[in-house]
Each structure stands twice: as structure tokens, then as C-alpha cells.
Amino acid sequence: MPRRHGFSGPSSDGDDQEMTALEAITNAILQEVKEAAHQAHKQHPKVVQIVIYESSV
């Protein structure tokens, strides 16, 4: 289950940078999937599986 960043107190700059990087990666993956969908009409459909693991250290 996703954590709420504002709930556990103020976040540090490292957390903000990590969240920004994760959002950028997610947006890049979604953009790649959208572009591939336009080209997939001529090819067999492909399966995309996104797995996100969260661990507490």
C-alpha cells in the first residue's frame, strides 16, 4: 500500500528527489507504452508488466 509522504512528518530533500525521479521514470515508461501502442496495430500485441517493490530499510 502506498505511503502518504505528508503524514509521517516533513520530508527531506532526498525524499523529494527520489519521488521526482520515480515520477519521471513512470512517465517515461507510460510514454513508451503509448508510442508502442500506435505501432502495435501492425504487430502482435505485447504484454507489459510493471512491478514496484518497496522495502523498509
PDB file of N, CA and C in Angstrom:
ATOM      1  N   MET A   1       0.844  -1.170   0.000  1.00  0.00           N
ATOM      2  CA  MET A   1       0.000   0.000   0.000  1.00  0.00           C
ATOM      3  C   MET A   1       0.891   1.235   0.000  1.00  0.00           C
ATOM      4  N   PRO A   2       0.583   2.240  -0.800  1.00  0.00           N
ATOM      5  CA  PRO A   2       1.450   3.408  -0.882  1.00  0.00           C
ATOM      6  C   PRO A   2       1.462   4.212   0.410  1.00  0.00           C
ATOM      7  N   ARG A   3       2.591   4.796   0.683  1.00  0.00           N
ATOM      8  CA  ARG A   3       2.709   5.638   1.867  1.00  0.00           C
ATOM      9  C   ARG A   3       2.295   7.059   1.532  1.00  0.00           C
ATOM     10  N   ARG A   4       1.788   7.741   2.515  1.00  0.00           N
ATOM     11  CA  ARG A   4       1.485   9.162   2.352  1.00  0.00           C
ATOM     12  C   ARG A   4       2.672   9.925   2.900  1.00  0.00           C
ATOM     13  N   HIS A   5       3.338  10.673   2.033  1.00  0.00           N
ATOM     14  CA  HIS A   5       4.574  11.325   2.431  1.00  0.00           C
ATOM     15  C   HIS A   5       4.338  12.448   3.432  1.00  0.00           C
ATOM     16  N   GLY A   6       3.232  13.155   3.354  1.00  0.00           N
ATOM     17  CA  GLY A   6       2.975  14.248   4.268  1.00  0.00           C
ATOM     18  C   GLY A   6       2.525  13.787   5.634  1.00  0.00           C
ATOM     19  N   PHE A   7       2.164  12.536   5.779  1.00  0.00           N
ATOM     20  CA  PHE A   7       1.602  12.029   7.025  1.00  0.00           C
ATOM     21  C   PHE A   7       2.673  11.756   8.074  1.00  0.00           C
ATOM     22  N   SER A   8       3.869  11.372   7.655  1.00  0.00           N
ATOM     23  CA  SER A   8       4.894  10.961   8.609  1.00  0.00           C
ATOM     24  C   SER A   8       5.858  12.091   8.971  1.00  0.00           C
ATOM     25  N   GLY A   9       5.475  13.324   8.765  1.00  0.00           N
ATOM     26  CA  GLY A   9       6.327  14.444   9.115  1.00  0.00           C
ATOM     27  C   GLY A   9       6.922  15.081   7.879  1.00  0.00           C
ATOM     28  N   PRO A  10       7.765  16.064   8.083  1.00  0.00           N
ATOM     29  CA  PRO A  10       8.348  16.759   6.926  1.00  0.00           C
ATOM     30  C   PRO A  10       9.295  15.844   6.156  1.00  0.00           C
ATOM     31  N   SER A  11       9.244  15.938   4.850  1.00  0.00           N
ATOM     32  CA  SER A  11      10.116  15.105   4.024  1.00  0.00           C
ATOM     33  C   SER A  11      11.416  15.844   3.756  1.00  0.00           C
ATOM     34  N   SER A  12      12.468  15.086   3.596  1.00  0.00           N
ATOM     35  CA  SER A  12      13.765  15.699   3.310  1.00  0.00           C
ATOM     36  C   SER A  12      13.918  15.899   1.814  1.00  0.00           C
ATOM     37  N   ASP A  13      14.965  16.615   1.422  1.00  0.00           N
ATOM     38  CA  ASP A  13      15.218  16.855   0.002  1.00  0.00           C
ATOM     39  C   ASP A  13      15.482  15.554  -0.726  1.00  0.00           C
ATOM     40  N   GLY A  14      16.105  14.583  -0.060  1.00  0.00           N
ATOM     41  CA  GLY A  14      16.377  13.287  -0.675  1.00  0.00           C
ATOM     42  C   GLY A  14      15.093  12.571  -1.042  1.00  0.00           C
ATOM     43  N   ASP A  15      14.096  12.644  -0.174  1.00  0.00           N
ATOM     44  CA  ASP A  15      12.806  12.019  -0.462  1.00  0.00           C
ATOM     45  C   ASP A  15      12.124  12.698  -1.643  1.00  0.00           C
ATOM     46  N   ASP A  16      12.211  14.025  -1.692  1.00  0.00           N
ATOM     47  CA  ASP A  16      11.605  14.766  -2.799  1.00  0.00           C
ATOM     48  C   ASP A  16      12.288  14.427  -4.116  1.00  0.00           C
ATOM     49  N   GLN A  17      13.607  14.325  -4.089  1.00  0.00           N
ATOM     50  CA  GLN A  17      14.344  13.978  -5.303  1.00  0.00           C
ATOM     51  C   GLN A  17      14.021  12.560  -5.743  1.00  0.00           C
ATOM     52  N   GLU A  18      13.892  11.652  -4.786  1.00  0.00           N
ATOM     53  CA  GLU A  18      13.560  10.263  -5.111  1.00  0.00           C
ATOM     54  C   GLU A  18      12.163  10.180  -5.726  1.00  0.00           C
ATOM     55  N   MET A  19      11.212  10.919  -5.174  1.00  0.00           N
ATOM     56  CA  MET A  19       9.851  10.917  -5.699  1.00  0.00           C
ATOM     57  C   MET A  19       9.817  11.530  -7.094  1.00  0.00           C
ATOM     58  N   THR A  20      10.563  12.601  -7.309  1.00  0.00           N
ATOM     59  CA  THR A  20      10.635  13.235  -8.625  1.00  0.00           C
ATOM     60  C   THR A  20      11.240  12.281  -9.643  1.00  0.00           C
ATOM     61  N   ALA A  21      12.283  11.566  -9.255  1.00  0.00           N
ATOM     62  CA  ALA A  21      12.912  10.594 -10.157  1.00  0.00           C
ATOM     63  C   ALA A  21      11.951   9.457 -10.476  1.00  0.00           C
ATOM     64  N   LEU A  22      11.221   8.980  -9.479  1.00  0.00           N
ATOM     65  CA  LEU A  22      10.258   7.900  -9.701  1.00  0.00           C
ATOM     66  C   LEU A  22       9.143   8.349 -10.637  1.00  0.00           C
ATOM     67  N   GLU A  23       8.665   9.577 -10.472  1.00  0.00           N
ATOM     68  CA  GLU A  23       7.630  10.107 -11.363  1.00  0.00           C
ATOM     69  C   GLU A  23       8.149  10.243 -12.790  1.00  0.00           C
ATOM     70  N   ALA A  24       9.396  10.672 -12.946  1.00  0.00           N
ATOM     71  CA  ALA A  24       9.982  10.814 -14.278  1.00  0.00           C
ATOM     72  C   ALA A  24      10.120   9.458 -14.961  1.00  0.00           C
ATOM     73  N   ILE A  25      10.551   8.458 -14.215  1.00  0.00           N
ATOM     74  CA  ILE A  25      10.681   7.109 -14.778  1.00  0.00           C
ATOM     75  C   ILE A  25       9.316   6.571 -15.177  1.00  0.00           C
ATOM     76  N   THR A  26       8.324   6.764 -14.310  1.00  0.00           N
ATOM     77  CA  THR A  26       6.971   6.286 -14.607  1.00  0.00           C
ATOM     78  C   THR A  26       6.413   6.966 -15.847  1.00  0.00           C
ATOM     79  N   ASN A  27       6.598   8.273 -15.958  1.00  0.00           N
ATOM     80  CA  ASN A  27       6.115   8.997 -17.139  1.00  0.00           C
ATOM     81  C   ASN A  27       6.821   8.535 -18.401  1.00  0.00           C
ATOM     82  N   ALA A  28       8.111   8.247 -18.310  1.00  0.00           N
ATOM     83  CA  ALA A  28       8.853   7.761 -19.475  1.00  0.00           C
ATOM     84  C   ALA A  28       8.344   6.394 -19.916  1.00  0.00           C
ATOM     85  N   ILE A  29       8.058   5.528 -18.955  1.00  0.00           N
ATOM     86  CA  ILE A  29       7.528   4.200 -19.288  1.00  0.00           C
ATOM     87  C   ILE A  29       6.162   4.326 -19.941  1.00  0.00           C
ATOM     88  N   LEU A  30       5.297   5.168 -19.382  1.00  0.00           N
ATOM     89  CA  LEU A  30       3.961   5.338 -19.950  1.00  0.00           C
ATOM     90  C   LEU A  30       4.023   5.931 -21.354  1.00  0.00           C
ATOM     91  N   GLN A  31       4.929   6.871 -21.580  1.00  0.00           N
ATOM     92  CA  GLN A  31       5.093   7.456 -22.912  1.00  0.00           C
ATOM     93  C   GLN A  31       5.564   6.394 -23.903  1.00  0.00           C
ATOM     94  N   GLU A  32       6.487   5.539 -23.476  1.00  0.00           N
ATOM     95  CA  GLU A  32       6.981   4.465 -24.343  1.00  0.00           C
ATOM     96  C   GLU A  32       5.866   3.481 -24.685  1.00  0.00           C
ATOM     97  N   VAL A  33       5.015   3.190 -23.710  1.00  0.00           N
ATOM     98  CA  VAL A  33       3.892   2.283 -23.955  1.00  0.00           C
ATOM     99  C   VAL A  33       2.914   2.905 -24.942  1.00  0.00           C
ATOM    100  N   LYS A  34       2.642   4.205 -24.801  1.00  0.00           N
ATOM    101  CA  LYS A  34       1.732   4.887 -25.728  1.00  0.00           C
ATOM    102  C   LYS A  34       2.282   4.871 -27.147  1.00  0.00           C
ATOM    103  N   GLU A  35       3.583   5.150 -27.296  1.00  0.00           N
ATOM    104  CA  GLU A  35       4.192   5.140 -28.621  1.00  0.00           C
ATOM    105  C   GLU A  35       4.181   3.739 -29.216  1.00  0.00           C
ATOM    106  N   ALA A  36       4.422   2.743 -28.399  1.00  0.00           N
ATOM    107  CA  ALA A  36       4.418   1.363 -28.878  1.00  0.00           C
ATOM    108  C   ALA A  36       3.012   0.930 -29.271  1.00  0.00           C
ATOM    109  N   ALA A  37       1.994   1.479 -28.611  1.00  0.00           N
ATOM    110  CA  ALA A  37       0.615   1.114 -28.927  1.00  0.00           C
ATOM    111  C   ALA A  37       0.245   1.567 -30.332  1.00  0.00           C
ATOM    112  N   HIS A  38       0.768   2.707 -30.754  1.00  0.00           N
ATOM    113  CA  HIS A  38       0.483   3.198 -32.100  1.00  0.00           C
ATOM    114  C   HIS A  38       1.128   2.306 -33.154  1.00  0.00           C
ATOM    115  N   GLN A  39       2.278   1.744 -32.847  1.00  0.00           N
ATOM    116  CA  GLN A  39       2.976   0.883 -33.786  1.00  0.00           C
ATOM    117  C   GLN A  39       2.497  -0.557 -33.699  1.00  0.00           C
ATOM    118  N   ALA A  40       1.785  -0.911 -32.650  1.00  0.00           N
ATOM    119  CA  ALA A  40       1.387  -2.295 -32.417  1.00  0.00           C
ATOM    120  C   ALA A  40       0.236  -2.741 -33.309  1.00  0.00           C
ATOM    121  N   HIS A  41      -0.406  -1.832 -34.005  1.00  0.00           N
ATOM    122  CA  HIS A  41      -1.518  -2.213 -34.864  1.00  0.00           C
ATOM    123  C   HIS A  41      -1.058  -3.170 -35.953  1.00  0.00           C
ATOM    124  N   LYS A  42       0.181  -3.050 -36.363  1.00  0.00           N
ATOM    125  CA  LYS A  42       0.718  -3.900 -37.413  1.00  0.00           C
ATOM    126  C   LYS A  42       1.338  -5.178 -36.857  1.00  0.00           C
ATOM    127  N   GLN A  43       1.633  -5.207 -35.582  1.00  0.00           N
ATOM    128  CA  GLN A  43       2.307  -6.343 -34.966  1.00  0.00           C
ATOM    129  C   GLN A  43       1.388  -7.007 -33.948  1.00  0.00           C
ATOM    130  N   HIS A  44       1.855  -8.133 -33.430  1.00  0.00           N
ATOM    131  CA  HIS A  44       1.111  -8.802 -32.368  1.00  0.00           C
ATOM    132  C   HIS A  44       1.201  -7.960 -31.096  1.00  0.00           C
ATOM    133  N   PRO A  45       0.147  -7.943 -30.305  1.00  0.00           N
ATOM    134  CA  PRO A  45       0.195  -7.156 -29.068  1.00  0.00           C
ATOM    135  C   PRO A  45       1.238  -7.718 -28.099  1.00  0.00           C
ATOM    136  N   LYS A  46       1.880  -6.830 -27.374  1.00  0.00           N
ATOM    137  CA  LYS A  46       2.891  -7.220 -26.403  1.00  0.00           C
ATOM    138  C   LYS A  46       2.346  -6.993 -25.002  1.00  0.00           C
ATOM    139  N   VAL A  47       2.887  -7.723 -24.052  1.00  0.00           N
ATOM    140  CA  VAL A  47       2.468  -7.618 -22.666  1.00  0.00           C
ATOM    141  C   VAL A  47       3.510  -6.799 -21.913  1.00  0.00           C
ATOM    142  N   VAL A  48       3.041  -5.836 -21.138  1.00  0.00           N
ATOM    143  CA  VAL A  48       3.924  -5.021 -20.315  1.00  0.00           C
ATOM    144  C   VAL A  48       3.547  -5.268 -18.866  1.00  0.00           C
ATOM    145  N   GLN A  49       4.538  -5.631 -18.063  1.00  0.00           N
ATOM    146  CA  GLN A  49       4.301  -5.857 -16.647  1.00  0.00           C
ATOM    147  C   GLN A  49       5.195  -4.914 -15.868  1.00  0.00           C
ATOM    148  N   ILE A  50       4.594  -4.125 -15.007  1.00  0.00           N
ATOM    149  CA  ILE A  50       5.348  -3.193 -14.170  1.00  0.00           C
ATOM    150  C   ILE A  50       5.233  -3.674 -12.731  1.00  0.00           C
ATOM    151  N   VAL A  51       6.375  -3.930 -12.117  1.00  0.00           N
ATOM    152  CA  VAL A  51       6.406  -4.401 -10.738  1.00  0.00           C
ATOM    153  C   VAL A  51       7.191  -3.390  -9.922  1.00  0.00           C
ATOM    154  N   ILE A  52       6.581  -2.902  -8.863  1.00  0.00           N
ATOM    155  CA  ILE A  52       7.248  -1.943  -7.983  1.00  0.00           C
ATOM    156  C   ILE A  52       7.364  -2.578  -6.603  1.00  0.00           C
ATOM    157  N   TYR A  53       8.590  -2.725  -6.155  1.00  0.00           N
ATOM    158  CA  TYR A  53       8.849  -3.288  -4.838  1.00  0.00           C
ATOM    159  C   TYR A  53       9.192  -2.160  -3.880  1.00  0.00           C
ATOM    160  N   GLU A  54       8.677  -2.263  -2.686  1.00  0.00           N
ATOM    161  CA  GLU A  54       9.009  -1.277  -1.666  1.00  0.00           C
ATOM    162  C   GLU A  54       9.534  -2.031  -0.457  1.00  0.00           C
ATOM    163  N   SER A  55      10.666  -1.618   0.009  1.00  0.00           N
ATOM    164  CA  SER A  55      11.225  -2.266   1.189  1.00  0.00           C
ATOM    165  C   SER A  55      11.566  -1.197   2.215  1.00  0.00           C
ATOM    166  N   SER A  56      11.440  -1.545   3.450  1.00  0.00           N
ATOM    167  CA  SER A  56      11.827  -0.616   4.509  1.00  0.00           C
ATOM    168  C   SER A  56      13.200  -1.043   5.012  1.00  0.00           C
ATOM    169  N   VAL A  57      14.074  -0.084   5.071  1.00  0.00           N
ATOM    170  CA  VAL A  57      15.459  -0.385   5.454  1.00  0.00           C
ATOM    171  C   VAL A  57      15.737   0.175   6.820  1.00  0.00           C
TER     172      VAL A  57
END
